[in-house]
N, C-alpha and C. Protein backbone atom coordinates (compact mmCIF):
# COMPACT_ATOMS: atom_id res chain seq x y z
N MET A 1 227.72 126.99 113.69
CA MET A 1 228.09 127.96 112.67
C MET A 1 226.87 128.23 111.77
N ARG A 2 226.59 129.52 111.56
CA ARG A 2 225.44 129.90 110.74
C ARG A 2 225.77 129.76 109.26
N LEU A 3 224.80 129.30 108.52
CA LEU A 3 224.93 129.16 107.08
C LEU A 3 224.73 130.53 106.44
N ILE A 4 225.60 130.90 105.51
CA ILE A 4 225.47 132.17 104.81
C ILE A 4 225.44 131.94 103.31
N CYS A 5 224.85 132.87 102.60
CA CYS A 5 224.77 132.80 101.15
C CYS A 5 226.15 133.11 100.56
N PRO A 6 226.67 132.26 99.69
CA PRO A 6 227.97 132.53 99.09
C PRO A 6 227.96 133.72 98.12
N LYS A 7 226.77 134.11 97.67
CA LYS A 7 226.68 135.22 96.72
C LYS A 7 226.57 136.58 97.40
N CYS A 8 225.58 136.73 98.33
CA CYS A 8 225.35 138.05 98.94
C CYS A 8 225.82 138.14 100.39
N ARG A 9 226.26 137.02 100.95
CA ARG A 9 226.81 136.94 102.32
C ARG A 9 225.78 137.20 103.42
N LYS A 10 224.49 137.03 103.10
CA LYS A 10 223.43 137.20 104.10
C LYS A 10 223.14 135.86 104.78
N HIS A 11 222.48 135.92 105.95
CA HIS A 11 222.20 134.73 106.74
C HIS A 11 220.77 134.21 106.55
N ASP A 12 219.96 134.85 105.75
CA ASP A 12 218.55 134.46 105.62
C ASP A 12 218.42 133.33 104.60
N ILE A 13 218.68 132.11 105.06
CA ILE A 13 218.74 130.94 104.20
C ILE A 13 217.66 129.95 104.61
N LEU A 14 217.01 129.34 103.62
CA LEU A 14 216.07 128.25 103.86
C LEU A 14 216.51 127.03 103.08
N LYS A 15 216.25 125.87 103.64
CA LYS A 15 216.53 124.62 102.93
C LYS A 15 215.55 124.51 101.78
N ALA A 16 216.05 124.14 100.61
CA ALA A 16 215.22 124.02 99.41
C ALA A 16 214.95 122.55 99.11
N GLN A 17 214.00 122.30 98.26
CA GLN A 17 213.69 120.94 97.85
C GLN A 17 214.74 120.44 96.87
N CYS A 18 215.01 119.15 96.92
CA CYS A 18 215.91 118.53 95.95
C CYS A 18 215.22 118.56 94.59
N GLN A 19 215.94 119.04 93.56
CA GLN A 19 215.35 119.13 92.23
C GLN A 19 216.00 118.18 91.24
N THR A 20 217.23 117.77 91.49
CA THR A 20 217.94 116.93 90.54
C THR A 20 218.40 115.64 91.22
N ALA A 21 218.83 114.70 90.39
CA ALA A 21 219.38 113.46 90.93
C ALA A 21 220.64 113.76 91.73
N GLY A 22 221.42 114.75 91.28
CA GLY A 22 222.62 115.15 92.01
C GLY A 22 222.30 115.66 93.39
N ASP A 23 221.19 116.41 93.52
CA ASP A 23 220.75 116.89 94.84
C ASP A 23 220.43 115.72 95.76
N ARG A 24 219.75 114.71 95.20
CA ARG A 24 219.36 113.56 96.02
C ARG A 24 220.57 112.73 96.44
N VAL A 25 221.53 112.59 95.57
CA VAL A 25 222.75 111.86 95.91
C VAL A 25 223.54 112.63 96.98
N ALA A 26 223.64 113.94 96.80
CA ALA A 26 224.36 114.77 97.77
C ALA A 26 223.71 114.70 99.15
N ALA A 27 222.37 114.57 99.18
CA ALA A 27 221.65 114.51 100.45
C ALA A 27 222.07 113.28 101.27
N LEU A 28 222.55 112.24 100.60
CA LEU A 28 222.99 111.04 101.30
C LEU A 28 224.22 111.31 102.17
N ILE A 29 225.00 112.32 101.80
CA ILE A 29 226.20 112.67 102.58
C ILE A 29 226.01 114.00 103.32
N LEU A 30 224.72 114.29 103.65
CA LEU A 30 224.35 115.48 104.43
C LEU A 30 224.64 116.80 103.73
N VAL A 31 224.64 116.79 102.41
CA VAL A 31 224.76 118.01 101.62
C VAL A 31 223.39 118.28 101.01
N SER A 32 222.84 119.45 101.28
CA SER A 32 221.48 119.77 100.84
C SER A 32 221.45 121.05 100.02
N PRO A 33 220.40 121.21 99.21
CA PRO A 33 220.22 122.48 98.51
C PRO A 33 219.61 123.52 99.46
N PHE A 34 220.09 124.75 99.34
CA PHE A 34 219.58 125.87 100.13
C PHE A 34 219.30 127.02 99.18
N LYS A 35 218.44 127.93 99.63
CA LYS A 35 218.13 129.10 98.82
C LYS A 35 218.15 130.34 99.70
N CYS A 36 218.85 131.36 99.23
CA CYS A 36 218.92 132.63 99.94
C CYS A 36 217.61 133.39 99.75
N GLN A 37 217.03 133.88 100.84
CA GLN A 37 215.79 134.62 100.78
C GLN A 37 215.99 136.07 100.35
N VAL A 38 217.23 136.53 100.34
CA VAL A 38 217.52 137.91 99.95
C VAL A 38 217.78 138.01 98.46
N CYS A 39 218.74 137.23 97.96
CA CYS A 39 219.12 137.36 96.54
C CYS A 39 218.59 136.24 95.66
N GLY A 40 218.04 135.17 96.27
CA GLY A 40 217.46 134.08 95.49
C GLY A 40 218.47 133.04 95.02
N HIS A 41 219.74 133.20 95.39
CA HIS A 41 220.78 132.26 94.96
C HIS A 41 220.53 130.88 95.55
N ARG A 42 220.61 129.84 94.72
CA ARG A 42 220.44 128.45 95.15
C ARG A 42 221.81 127.80 95.17
N PHE A 43 222.12 127.07 96.24
CA PHE A 43 223.45 126.46 96.36
C PHE A 43 223.38 125.21 97.22
N LEU A 44 224.40 124.38 97.13
CA LEU A 44 224.52 123.18 97.95
C LEU A 44 225.48 123.47 99.10
N ALA A 45 225.16 122.92 100.27
CA ALA A 45 226.04 123.11 101.43
C ALA A 45 225.87 121.95 102.39
N LEU A 46 226.93 121.68 103.15
CA LEU A 46 226.87 120.68 104.21
C LEU A 46 225.93 121.19 105.29
N ARG A 47 224.93 120.39 105.64
CA ARG A 47 223.96 120.85 106.63
C ARG A 47 224.33 120.44 108.05
N TRP A 48 225.19 119.47 108.22
CA TRP A 48 225.55 119.00 109.55
C TRP A 48 226.35 120.07 110.28
N GLY A 49 225.92 120.43 111.49
CA GLY A 49 226.61 121.42 112.29
C GLY A 49 226.36 122.86 111.89
N ARG A 50 225.41 123.09 110.98
CA ARG A 50 225.11 124.44 110.51
C ARG A 50 223.78 124.90 111.06
N GLU A 51 223.67 126.19 111.30
CA GLU A 51 222.40 126.78 111.73
C GLU A 51 221.71 127.40 110.52
N TYR A 52 220.47 127.03 110.33
CA TYR A 52 219.64 127.60 109.27
C TYR A 52 218.20 127.37 109.68
N ARG A 53 217.30 128.12 109.08
CA ARG A 53 215.88 127.95 109.40
C ARG A 53 215.41 126.59 108.92
N LYS A 54 214.76 125.88 109.81
CA LYS A 54 214.22 124.58 109.44
C LYS A 54 212.96 124.81 108.62
N GLY A 55 212.53 123.79 107.96
CA GLY A 55 211.34 123.92 107.13
C GLY A 55 211.75 124.05 105.68
N VAL A 56 211.24 123.18 104.89
CA VAL A 56 211.58 123.15 103.47
C VAL A 56 210.74 124.18 102.73
N LEU A 57 211.33 124.81 101.76
CA LEU A 57 210.58 125.72 100.90
C LEU A 57 209.51 124.94 100.15
N ASP A 58 208.36 125.53 99.98
CA ASP A 58 207.39 124.92 99.10
C ASP A 58 207.59 125.54 97.72
N ARG A 59 206.56 125.60 96.92
CA ARG A 59 206.71 126.18 95.59
C ARG A 59 207.08 127.65 95.64
N ARG A 60 206.79 128.30 96.73
CA ARG A 60 207.08 129.72 96.85
C ARG A 60 208.58 129.93 97.04
N ALA A 61 209.06 131.00 96.47
CA ALA A 61 210.50 131.30 96.58
C ALA A 61 210.83 132.04 97.86
N HIS A 62 209.83 132.65 98.52
CA HIS A 62 210.08 133.47 99.70
C HIS A 62 209.09 133.15 100.80
N ARG A 63 209.54 133.29 102.03
CA ARG A 63 208.71 133.04 103.19
C ARG A 63 207.71 134.18 103.36
N ARG A 64 206.44 133.83 103.60
CA ARG A 64 205.39 134.83 103.78
C ARG A 64 205.30 135.25 105.24
N ILE A 65 205.02 136.54 105.42
CA ILE A 65 204.85 137.11 106.75
C ILE A 65 203.42 137.64 106.85
N PRO A 66 202.63 137.21 107.85
CA PRO A 66 201.28 137.74 108.00
C PRO A 66 201.32 139.20 108.45
N VAL A 67 200.54 140.04 107.78
CA VAL A 67 200.46 141.47 108.11
C VAL A 67 199.02 141.94 107.90
N ARG A 68 198.74 143.15 108.29
CA ARG A 68 197.47 143.83 107.99
C ARG A 68 197.84 145.24 107.56
N LEU A 69 198.01 145.44 106.26
CA LEU A 69 198.41 146.74 105.72
C LEU A 69 197.38 147.22 104.72
N HIS A 70 197.14 148.51 104.73
CA HIS A 70 196.25 149.11 103.74
C HIS A 70 197.01 149.22 102.41
N LEU A 71 196.29 148.97 101.30
CA LEU A 71 196.91 149.00 99.98
C LEU A 71 195.96 149.65 99.00
N CYS A 72 196.52 150.49 98.13
CA CYS A 72 195.78 151.02 96.98
C CYS A 72 196.48 150.48 95.74
N PHE A 73 195.71 150.19 94.70
CA PHE A 73 196.33 149.72 93.46
C PHE A 73 195.64 150.34 92.27
N SER A 74 196.41 150.52 91.20
CA SER A 74 195.86 151.09 89.98
C SER A 74 196.59 150.53 88.77
N GLY A 75 195.85 150.38 87.70
CA GLY A 75 196.41 149.89 86.45
C GLY A 75 195.33 149.87 85.39
N GLY A 76 195.63 150.38 84.22
CA GLY A 76 194.62 150.44 83.17
C GLY A 76 193.44 151.27 83.64
N ARG A 77 192.25 150.71 83.55
CA ARG A 77 191.04 151.41 84.00
C ARG A 77 190.59 150.98 85.40
N VAL A 78 191.43 150.20 86.07
CA VAL A 78 191.04 149.67 87.38
C VAL A 78 191.80 150.37 88.49
N ASN A 79 191.06 150.86 89.47
CA ASN A 79 191.62 151.41 90.70
C ASN A 79 190.93 150.71 91.85
N GLY A 80 191.68 150.40 92.88
CA GLY A 80 191.05 149.72 94.00
C GLY A 80 191.84 149.85 95.28
N GLN A 81 191.25 149.31 96.33
CA GLN A 81 191.88 149.28 97.64
C GLN A 81 191.71 147.89 98.22
N GLY A 82 192.53 147.60 99.20
CA GLY A 82 192.41 146.32 99.86
C GLY A 82 193.29 146.27 101.10
N ILE A 83 193.31 145.10 101.72
CA ILE A 83 194.12 144.85 102.89
C ILE A 83 195.11 143.74 102.56
N VAL A 84 196.39 144.01 102.76
CA VAL A 84 197.43 143.00 102.54
C VAL A 84 197.37 142.03 103.72
N GLU A 85 197.16 140.74 103.42
CA GLU A 85 197.09 139.71 104.47
C GLU A 85 198.45 139.09 104.76
N ASP A 86 199.24 138.90 103.71
CA ASP A 86 200.60 138.44 103.92
C ASP A 86 201.48 139.00 102.82
N ILE A 87 202.78 139.06 103.12
CA ILE A 87 203.72 139.69 102.21
C ILE A 87 205.06 138.97 102.29
N SER A 88 205.77 138.99 101.17
CA SER A 88 207.11 138.43 101.11
C SER A 88 207.89 139.28 100.11
N LEU A 89 209.15 138.94 99.92
CA LEU A 89 209.95 139.66 98.93
C LEU A 89 209.43 139.41 97.52
N GLY A 90 208.69 138.33 97.34
CA GLY A 90 208.17 137.99 96.02
C GLY A 90 206.80 138.54 95.69
N GLY A 91 206.01 138.89 96.70
CA GLY A 91 204.67 139.38 96.42
C GLY A 91 203.82 139.47 97.66
N CYS A 92 202.49 139.56 97.45
CA CYS A 92 201.59 139.69 98.58
C CYS A 92 200.21 139.15 98.21
N LEU A 93 199.44 138.83 99.25
CA LEU A 93 198.06 138.40 99.09
C LEU A 93 197.18 139.52 99.63
N VAL A 94 196.23 139.96 98.82
CA VAL A 94 195.40 141.12 99.16
C VAL A 94 193.93 140.72 99.20
N GLU A 95 193.27 141.14 100.26
CA GLU A 95 191.82 140.97 100.39
C GLU A 95 191.18 142.20 99.75
N THR A 96 190.39 141.97 98.69
CA THR A 96 189.73 143.07 97.99
C THR A 96 188.51 142.54 97.24
N GLY A 97 187.57 143.41 97.01
CA GLY A 97 186.38 143.04 96.25
C GLY A 97 186.44 143.53 94.82
N ILE A 98 187.54 144.15 94.43
CA ILE A 98 187.68 144.71 93.08
C ILE A 98 188.01 143.59 92.09
N PRO A 99 187.23 143.46 91.01
CA PRO A 99 187.51 142.40 90.03
C PRO A 99 188.76 142.74 89.18
N VAL A 100 189.68 141.78 89.10
CA VAL A 100 190.88 141.92 88.28
C VAL A 100 191.04 140.63 87.48
N ARG A 101 191.98 140.63 86.55
CA ARG A 101 192.27 139.43 85.75
C ARG A 101 193.72 139.01 85.95
N GLU A 102 193.96 137.71 85.83
CA GLU A 102 195.34 137.23 85.91
C GLU A 102 196.17 137.90 84.82
N LYS A 103 197.42 138.17 85.14
CA LYS A 103 198.42 138.80 84.29
C LYS A 103 198.22 140.30 84.11
N ASP A 104 197.19 140.88 84.75
CA ASP A 104 197.06 142.35 84.75
C ASP A 104 198.22 142.92 85.56
N ILE A 105 198.72 144.07 85.14
CA ILE A 105 199.83 144.73 85.83
C ILE A 105 199.28 145.96 86.55
N PHE A 106 199.70 146.10 87.81
CA PHE A 106 199.24 147.21 88.64
C PHE A 106 200.41 147.87 89.34
N TYR A 107 200.19 149.10 89.76
CA TYR A 107 201.11 149.77 90.67
C TYR A 107 200.46 149.74 92.04
N LEU A 108 201.16 149.15 92.99
CA LEU A 108 200.64 149.03 94.34
C LEU A 108 201.23 150.12 95.22
N GLN A 109 200.42 150.63 96.13
CA GLN A 109 200.89 151.58 97.14
C GLN A 109 200.61 150.95 98.50
N LEU A 110 201.70 150.50 99.14
CA LEU A 110 201.61 149.84 100.45
C LEU A 110 201.81 150.87 101.55
N SER A 111 200.83 151.02 102.41
CA SER A 111 200.93 151.96 103.52
C SER A 111 201.50 151.23 104.73
N ILE A 112 202.80 151.42 104.99
CA ILE A 112 203.44 150.73 106.11
C ILE A 112 203.64 151.63 107.31
N ASP A 113 203.56 152.95 107.08
CA ASP A 113 203.78 153.91 108.16
C ASP A 113 202.93 155.14 107.85
N GLU A 114 202.11 155.55 108.81
CA GLU A 114 201.24 156.70 108.61
C GLU A 114 202.01 158.00 108.40
N LYS A 115 203.25 158.05 108.90
CA LYS A 115 204.05 159.27 108.82
C LYS A 115 204.83 159.40 107.52
N LYS A 116 204.91 158.31 106.74
CA LYS A 116 205.68 158.32 105.50
C LYS A 116 204.78 158.01 104.32
N ALA A 117 205.25 158.38 103.14
CA ALA A 117 204.52 158.07 101.92
C ALA A 117 204.48 156.56 101.72
N PRO A 118 203.44 156.06 101.05
CA PRO A 118 203.36 154.62 100.80
C PRO A 118 204.53 154.13 99.94
N ILE A 119 204.84 152.86 100.08
CA ILE A 119 205.83 152.22 99.21
C ILE A 119 205.12 151.90 97.90
N GLU A 120 205.68 152.33 96.79
CA GLU A 120 205.08 152.07 95.48
C GLU A 120 205.89 151.00 94.77
N VAL A 121 205.18 149.94 94.34
CA VAL A 121 205.84 148.84 93.65
C VAL A 121 204.96 148.33 92.50
N PRO A 122 205.56 147.98 91.38
CA PRO A 122 204.79 147.36 90.31
C PRO A 122 204.61 145.87 90.59
N ALA A 123 203.44 145.34 90.21
CA ALA A 123 203.15 143.93 90.47
C ALA A 123 202.22 143.39 89.38
N ILE A 124 202.22 142.08 89.24
CA ILE A 124 201.36 141.40 88.28
C ILE A 124 200.44 140.45 89.04
N VAL A 125 199.20 140.34 88.58
CA VAL A 125 198.25 139.43 89.22
C VAL A 125 198.62 138.00 88.86
N ARG A 126 198.87 137.17 89.88
CA ARG A 126 199.25 135.77 89.67
C ARG A 126 198.14 134.80 90.03
N SER A 127 197.29 135.18 90.98
CA SER A 127 196.20 134.27 91.36
C SER A 127 195.00 135.08 91.82
N ILE A 128 193.83 134.48 91.61
CA ILE A 128 192.58 135.12 92.02
C ILE A 128 191.72 134.07 92.70
N ARG A 129 191.25 134.41 93.89
CA ARG A 129 190.28 133.59 94.62
C ARG A 129 189.15 134.52 95.02
N PRO A 130 188.02 133.99 95.41
CA PRO A 130 186.93 134.89 95.83
C PRO A 130 187.38 135.85 96.94
N GLY A 131 187.35 137.13 96.62
CA GLY A 131 187.71 138.16 97.60
C GLY A 131 189.19 138.34 97.83
N LYS A 132 190.06 137.62 97.11
CA LYS A 132 191.51 137.71 97.32
C LYS A 132 192.26 137.72 95.99
N VAL A 133 193.34 138.48 95.97
CA VAL A 133 194.19 138.57 94.79
C VAL A 133 195.64 138.35 95.21
N GLY A 134 196.33 137.48 94.51
CA GLY A 134 197.74 137.25 94.75
C GLY A 134 198.56 138.04 93.75
N PHE A 135 199.37 138.97 94.25
CA PHE A 135 200.24 139.79 93.40
C PHE A 135 201.67 139.29 93.50
N GLU A 136 202.35 139.24 92.37
CA GLU A 136 203.79 138.96 92.35
C GLU A 136 204.50 140.27 92.03
N PHE A 137 205.44 140.66 92.88
CA PHE A 137 206.18 141.89 92.63
C PHE A 137 207.06 141.70 91.41
N MET A 138 207.14 142.74 90.60
CA MET A 138 208.01 142.70 89.43
C MET A 138 209.44 142.97 89.88
N LYS A 139 210.39 142.69 89.02
CA LYS A 139 211.80 142.75 89.38
C LYS A 139 212.20 144.06 90.04
N SER A 140 211.74 145.17 89.51
CA SER A 140 212.13 146.46 90.08
C SER A 140 211.65 146.61 91.53
N ALA A 141 210.53 145.97 91.87
CA ALA A 141 210.02 146.04 93.25
C ALA A 141 210.97 145.32 94.20
N LYS A 142 211.61 144.26 93.73
CA LYS A 142 212.51 143.49 94.57
C LYS A 142 213.80 144.25 94.87
N ASP A 143 214.01 145.37 94.18
CA ASP A 143 215.16 146.24 94.43
C ASP A 143 214.76 147.47 95.24
N ASN A 144 213.50 147.55 95.66
CA ASN A 144 213.00 148.69 96.40
C ASN A 144 213.55 148.65 97.83
N LYS A 145 214.38 149.61 98.17
CA LYS A 145 215.05 149.61 99.47
C LYS A 145 214.08 149.71 100.64
N ARG A 146 213.04 150.53 100.51
CA ARG A 146 212.07 150.66 101.61
C ARG A 146 211.31 149.36 101.84
N LEU A 147 210.97 148.67 100.74
CA LEU A 147 210.28 147.40 100.86
C LEU A 147 211.19 146.37 101.53
N ILE A 148 212.43 146.31 101.12
CA ILE A 148 213.38 145.36 101.71
C ILE A 148 213.59 145.66 103.19
N GLU A 149 213.73 146.94 103.54
CA GLU A 149 213.90 147.33 104.95
C GLU A 149 212.68 146.92 105.77
N PHE A 150 211.49 147.15 105.22
CA PHE A 150 210.27 146.76 105.93
C PHE A 150 210.24 145.25 106.15
N LEU A 151 210.55 144.48 105.10
CA LEU A 151 210.53 143.03 105.22
C LEU A 151 211.59 142.52 106.20
N HIS A 152 212.75 143.17 106.22
CA HIS A 152 213.78 142.82 107.21
C HIS A 152 213.24 143.06 108.62
N ALA A 153 212.59 144.18 108.82
CA ALA A 153 212.05 144.50 110.14
C ALA A 153 210.97 143.49 110.57
N GLN A 154 210.25 142.92 109.59
CA GLN A 154 209.22 141.94 109.88
C GLN A 154 209.79 140.52 109.98
N GLY A 155 211.07 140.38 109.62
CA GLY A 155 211.71 139.06 109.69
C GLY A 155 211.52 138.23 108.43
N ALA A 156 211.16 138.87 107.31
CA ALA A 156 210.91 138.12 106.08
C ALA A 156 212.08 138.07 105.14
N ALA A 157 212.91 139.07 105.13
CA ALA A 157 213.99 139.13 104.13
C ALA A 157 215.32 139.19 104.80
């Protein structure tokens, strides 16, 4: 039997890390914490006899999918381009040489299909490494139907 989210009724569930003493006690009787990749709902469920994706969530709330997508971004006085290396419902990692600062807010344009307009989503800079920028999508981006459809097609959401 497949495990489903009690909130949104979707099947895209990952086992989550135990965060409380109650989680650890429940784990003794094969009850584990799970997190829905679609709506983010966290819940406890019996894991014995259930189908769910193996692999514990790390600090990230969503599973990353490797991609190679062209991206344009703009915010304040900064405009740039880059290549999206991986993407999830929570954000993306972009290869770019454009200098940005953490907590800067940008509008991203993700080119997923040459025949359609890019997906536009607001995002905030969460991490910076040499040549790479980690963007976290803002709440309104997580409600973007085209983005969700794309991620579903890639197996991420």
